Amino acid sequence: MREIGPFVNDGLDIYFVTRMDSRKVRHINVNSFVTLYFPNTKQDAKEFRSVAVTGKAARVPEGNEFNGVLKKLDGKSPGYMKYIGKEGFKIWTIYKMTAESLQSTDYSKINQNG
């Protein structure tokens, strides 16, 4: 499991920034199918809900798409973008994961009838 920082989506495409020298990137280079798991860790077990999105990840080349993602990320998490700006995209890169499947878990539905 590898954590990701701030992310943005455009429909079923999920974009995230990562360091080019990360284990995450090495793993994506070996197997580009990834799962992004979104749990709410502060939930009561009886009410637990989560979502997992699986798809193929690919590096986004610099250009219009790349710049659009940067703008969205800056709007969502300006502090993070300032952090990235210190070293820039010499060591950071953007990946896009195109969702192919979605799985949700909702324990509250199991526990409705006791």
C-alpha atoms as a PDB file:
ATOM      1  CA  MET A   1       0.000   0.000   0.000  1.00  0.00           C
ATOM      2  CA  ARG A   2       1.250   3.480  -0.911  1.00  0.00           C
ATOM      3  CA  GLU A   3      -0.345   6.684   0.266  1.00  0.00           C
ATOM      4  CA  ILE A   4      -1.045   9.512  -2.127  1.00  0.00           C
ATOM      5  CA  GLY A   5      -1.225  13.181  -1.337  1.00  0.00           C
ATOM      6  CA  PRO A   6      -3.871  15.513  -2.675  1.00  0.00           C
ATOM      7  CA  PHE A   7      -5.655  14.301  -5.750  1.00  0.00           C
ATOM      8  CA  VAL A   8      -8.212  15.679  -8.174  1.00  0.00           C
ATOM      9  CA  ASN A   9     -10.556  13.965 -10.543  1.00  0.00           C
ATOM     10  CA  ASP A  10     -12.102  14.663 -13.898  1.00  0.00           C
ATOM     11  CA  GLY A  11     -14.978  12.233 -14.234  1.00  0.00           C
ATOM     12  CA  LEU A  12     -13.487   8.766 -13.805  1.00  0.00           C
ATOM     13  CA  ASP A  13      -9.905   9.974 -14.182  1.00  0.00           C
ATOM     14  CA  ILE A  14      -8.073  10.506 -10.889  1.00  0.00           C
ATOM     15  CA  TYR A  15      -4.863  12.541 -10.929  1.00  0.00           C
ATOM     16  CA  PHE A  16      -2.204  12.482  -8.221  1.00  0.00           C
ATOM     17  CA  VAL A  17       1.273  13.942  -7.757  1.00  0.00           C
ATOM     18  CA  THR A  18       4.174  11.787  -6.642  1.00  0.00           C
ATOM     19  CA  ARG A  19       7.951  11.816  -6.624  1.00  0.00           C
ATOM     20  CA  MET A  20       9.524  10.214  -9.678  1.00  0.00           C
ATOM     21  CA  ASP A  21      11.909   8.223  -7.457  1.00  0.00           C
ATOM     22  CA  SER A  22       9.164   6.772  -5.230  1.00  0.00           C
ATOM     23  CA  ARG A  23       8.434   3.080  -4.720  1.00  0.00           C
ATOM     24  CA  LYS A  24       4.937   3.872  -5.952  1.00  0.00           C
ATOM     25  CA  VAL A  25       6.311   4.851  -9.369  1.00  0.00           C
ATOM     26  CA  ARG A  26       8.563   1.782  -9.480  1.00  0.00           C
ATOM     27  CA  HIS A  27       5.532  -0.420  -8.755  1.00  0.00           C
ATOM     28  CA  ILE A  28       3.412   1.335 -11.399  1.00  0.00           C
ATOM     29  CA  ASN A  29       6.221   0.768 -13.928  1.00  0.00           C
ATOM     30  CA  VAL A  30       6.021  -2.978 -13.187  1.00  0.00           C
ATOM     31  CA  ASN A  31       2.210  -3.195 -13.012  1.00  0.00           C
ATOM     32  CA  SER A  32       0.184  -0.172 -14.090  1.00  0.00           C
ATOM     33  CA  PHE A  33      -3.081  -1.472 -12.593  1.00  0.00           C
ATOM     34  CA  VAL A  34      -3.582   0.233  -9.241  1.00  0.00           C
ATOM     35  CA  THR A  35      -6.297   0.524  -6.640  1.00  0.00           C
ATOM     36  CA  LEU A  36      -7.006   3.755  -4.809  1.00  0.00           C
ATOM     37  CA  TYR A  37      -8.727   3.020  -1.509  1.00  0.00           C
ATOM     38  CA  PHE A  38     -10.704   5.731   0.281  1.00  0.00           C
ATOM     39  CA  PRO A  39     -11.682   4.731   3.824  1.00  0.00           C
ATOM     40  CA  ASN A  40     -13.049   7.080   6.424  1.00  0.00           C
ATOM     41  CA  THR A  41     -10.819   6.045   9.314  1.00  0.00           C
ATOM     42  CA  LYS A  42     -12.867   7.862  11.975  1.00  0.00           C
ATOM     43  CA  GLN A  43     -16.006   5.755  11.555  1.00  0.00           C
ATOM     44  CA  ASP A  44     -17.632   3.423  14.015  1.00  0.00           C
ATOM     45  CA  ALA A  45     -17.183  -0.175  12.807  1.00  0.00           C
ATOM     46  CA  LYS A  46     -20.952  -0.723  12.555  1.00  0.00           C
ATOM     47  CA  GLU A  47     -21.262   2.267  10.214  1.00  0.00           C
ATOM     48  CA  PHE A  48     -18.038   1.735   8.231  1.00  0.00           C
ATOM     49  CA  ARG A  49     -18.112   2.933   4.607  1.00  0.00           C
ATOM     50  CA  SER A  50     -15.328   2.958   2.030  1.00  0.00           C
ATOM     51  CA  VAL A  51     -14.713   3.096  -1.711  1.00  0.00           C
ATOM     52  CA  ALA A  52     -12.000   1.421  -3.790  1.00  0.00           C
ATOM     53  CA  VAL A  53     -11.344   2.479  -7.379  1.00  0.00           C
ATOM     54  CA  THR A  54      -9.207   0.294  -9.651  1.00  0.00           C
ATOM     55  CA  GLY A  55      -7.758   1.171 -13.029  1.00  0.00           C
ATOM     56  CA  LYS A  56      -4.667   1.746 -15.097  1.00  0.00           C
ATOM     57  CA  ALA A  57      -2.210   4.481 -14.094  1.00  0.00           C
ATOM     58  CA  ALA A  58      -0.008   6.382 -16.522  1.00  0.00           C
ATOM     59  CA  ARG A  59       2.293   9.367 -16.241  1.00  0.00           C
ATOM     60  CA  VAL A  60       0.837  12.609 -17.595  1.00  0.00           C
ATOM     61  CA  PRO A  61       3.251  14.367 -19.972  1.00  0.00           C
ATOM     62  CA  GLU A  62       3.765  18.099 -19.577  1.00  0.00           C
ATOM     63  CA  GLY A  63       1.285  20.072 -21.659  1.00  0.00           C
ATOM     64  CA  ASN A  64      -2.338  21.222 -21.473  1.00  0.00           C
ATOM     65  CA  GLU A  65      -3.650  18.275 -19.435  1.00  0.00           C
ATOM     66  CA  PHE A  66      -0.698  18.519 -17.011  1.00  0.00           C
ATOM     67  CA  ASN A  67      -1.187  22.282 -16.548  1.00  0.00           C
ATOM     68  CA  GLY A  68      -4.941  21.862 -16.016  1.00  0.00           C
ATOM     69  CA  VAL A  69      -4.293  19.312 -13.269  1.00  0.00           C
ATOM     70  CA  LEU A  70      -1.792  21.653 -11.591  1.00  0.00           C
ATOM     71  CA  LYS A  71      -4.380  24.428 -11.573  1.00  0.00           C
ATOM     72  CA  LYS A  72      -6.996  22.137  -9.991  1.00  0.00           C
ATOM     73  CA  LEU A  73      -4.499  20.849  -7.416  1.00  0.00           C
ATOM     74  CA  ASP A  74      -3.477  24.390  -6.514  1.00  0.00           C
ATOM     75  CA  GLY A  75      -7.114  25.301  -5.946  1.00  0.00           C
ATOM     76  CA  LYS A  76      -7.677  22.244  -3.770  1.00  0.00           C
ATOM     77  CA  SER A  77      -4.410  22.234  -1.826  1.00  0.00           C
ATOM     78  CA  PRO A  78      -2.322  25.389  -2.272  1.00  0.00           C
ATOM     79  CA  GLY A  79      -0.017  24.493   0.624  1.00  0.00           C
ATOM     80  CA  TYR A  80       0.904  21.219  -1.030  1.00  0.00           C
ATOM     81  CA  MET A  81       1.609  22.940  -4.321  1.00  0.00           C
ATOM     82  CA  LYS A  82       3.948  25.389  -2.545  1.00  0.00           C
ATOM     83  CA  TYR A  83       5.757  22.365  -1.100  1.00  0.00           C
ATOM     84  CA  ILE A  84       6.141  20.841  -4.565  1.00  0.00           C
ATOM     85  CA  GLY A  85       7.226  24.197  -5.951  1.00  0.00           C
ATOM     86  CA  LYS A  86      10.387  24.110  -3.838  1.00  0.00           C
ATOM     87  CA  GLU A  87      11.828  21.329  -5.998  1.00  0.00           C
ATOM     88  CA  GLY A  88       9.459  21.516  -8.931  1.00  0.00           C
ATOM     89  CA  PHE A  89       8.773  18.937 -11.542  1.00  0.00           C
ATOM     90  CA  LYS A  90      12.382  17.896 -11.824  1.00  0.00           C
ATOM     91  CA  ILE A  91      11.601  15.326  -9.116  1.00  0.00           C
ATOM     92  CA  TRP A  92       7.769  15.381  -9.036  1.00  0.00           C
ATOM     93  CA  THR A  93       5.369  14.081 -11.642  1.00  0.00           C
ATOM     94  CA  ILE A  94       1.635  13.634 -12.187  1.00  0.00           C
ATOM     95  CA  TYR A  95      -0.091  10.309 -12.776  1.00  0.00           C
ATOM     96  CA  LYS A  96      -3.574   9.695 -14.070  1.00  0.00           C
ATOM     97  CA  MET A  97      -5.502   6.624 -13.033  1.00  0.00           C
ATOM     98  CA  THR A  98      -8.433   5.878 -15.329  1.00  0.00           C
ATOM     99  CA  ALA A  99     -11.068   4.031 -13.305  1.00  0.00           C
ATOM    100  CA  GLU A 100     -12.204   0.685 -14.648  1.00  0.00           C
ATOM    101  CA  SER A 101     -14.026  -0.626 -11.587  1.00  0.00           C
ATOM    102  CA  LEU A 102     -15.468   0.694  -8.368  1.00  0.00           C
ATOM    103  CA  GLN A 103     -16.184  -1.214  -5.174  1.00  0.00           C
ATOM    104  CA  SER A 104     -17.964   0.207  -2.169  1.00  0.00           C
ATOM    105  CA  THR A 105     -18.397  -1.137   1.333  1.00  0.00           C
ATOM    106  CA  ASP A 106     -21.244  -0.055   3.583  1.00  0.00           C
ATOM    107  CA  TYR A 107     -21.517  -1.962   6.870  1.00  0.00           C
ATOM    108  CA  SER A 108     -24.456   0.188   7.962  1.00  0.00           C
ATOM    109  CA  LYS A 109     -26.694  -1.735   5.572  1.00  0.00           C
ATOM    110  CA  ILE A 110     -25.650  -5.054   7.128  1.00  0.00           C
ATOM    111  CA  ASN A 111     -26.438  -3.862  10.635  1.00  0.00           C
ATOM    112  CA  GLN A 112     -29.853  -2.274   9.949  1.00  0.00           C
ATOM    113  CA  ASN A 113     -31.814  -5.270  11.206  1.00  0.00           C
ATOM    114  CA  GLY A 114     -29.673  -6.012  14.213  1.00  0.00           C
END
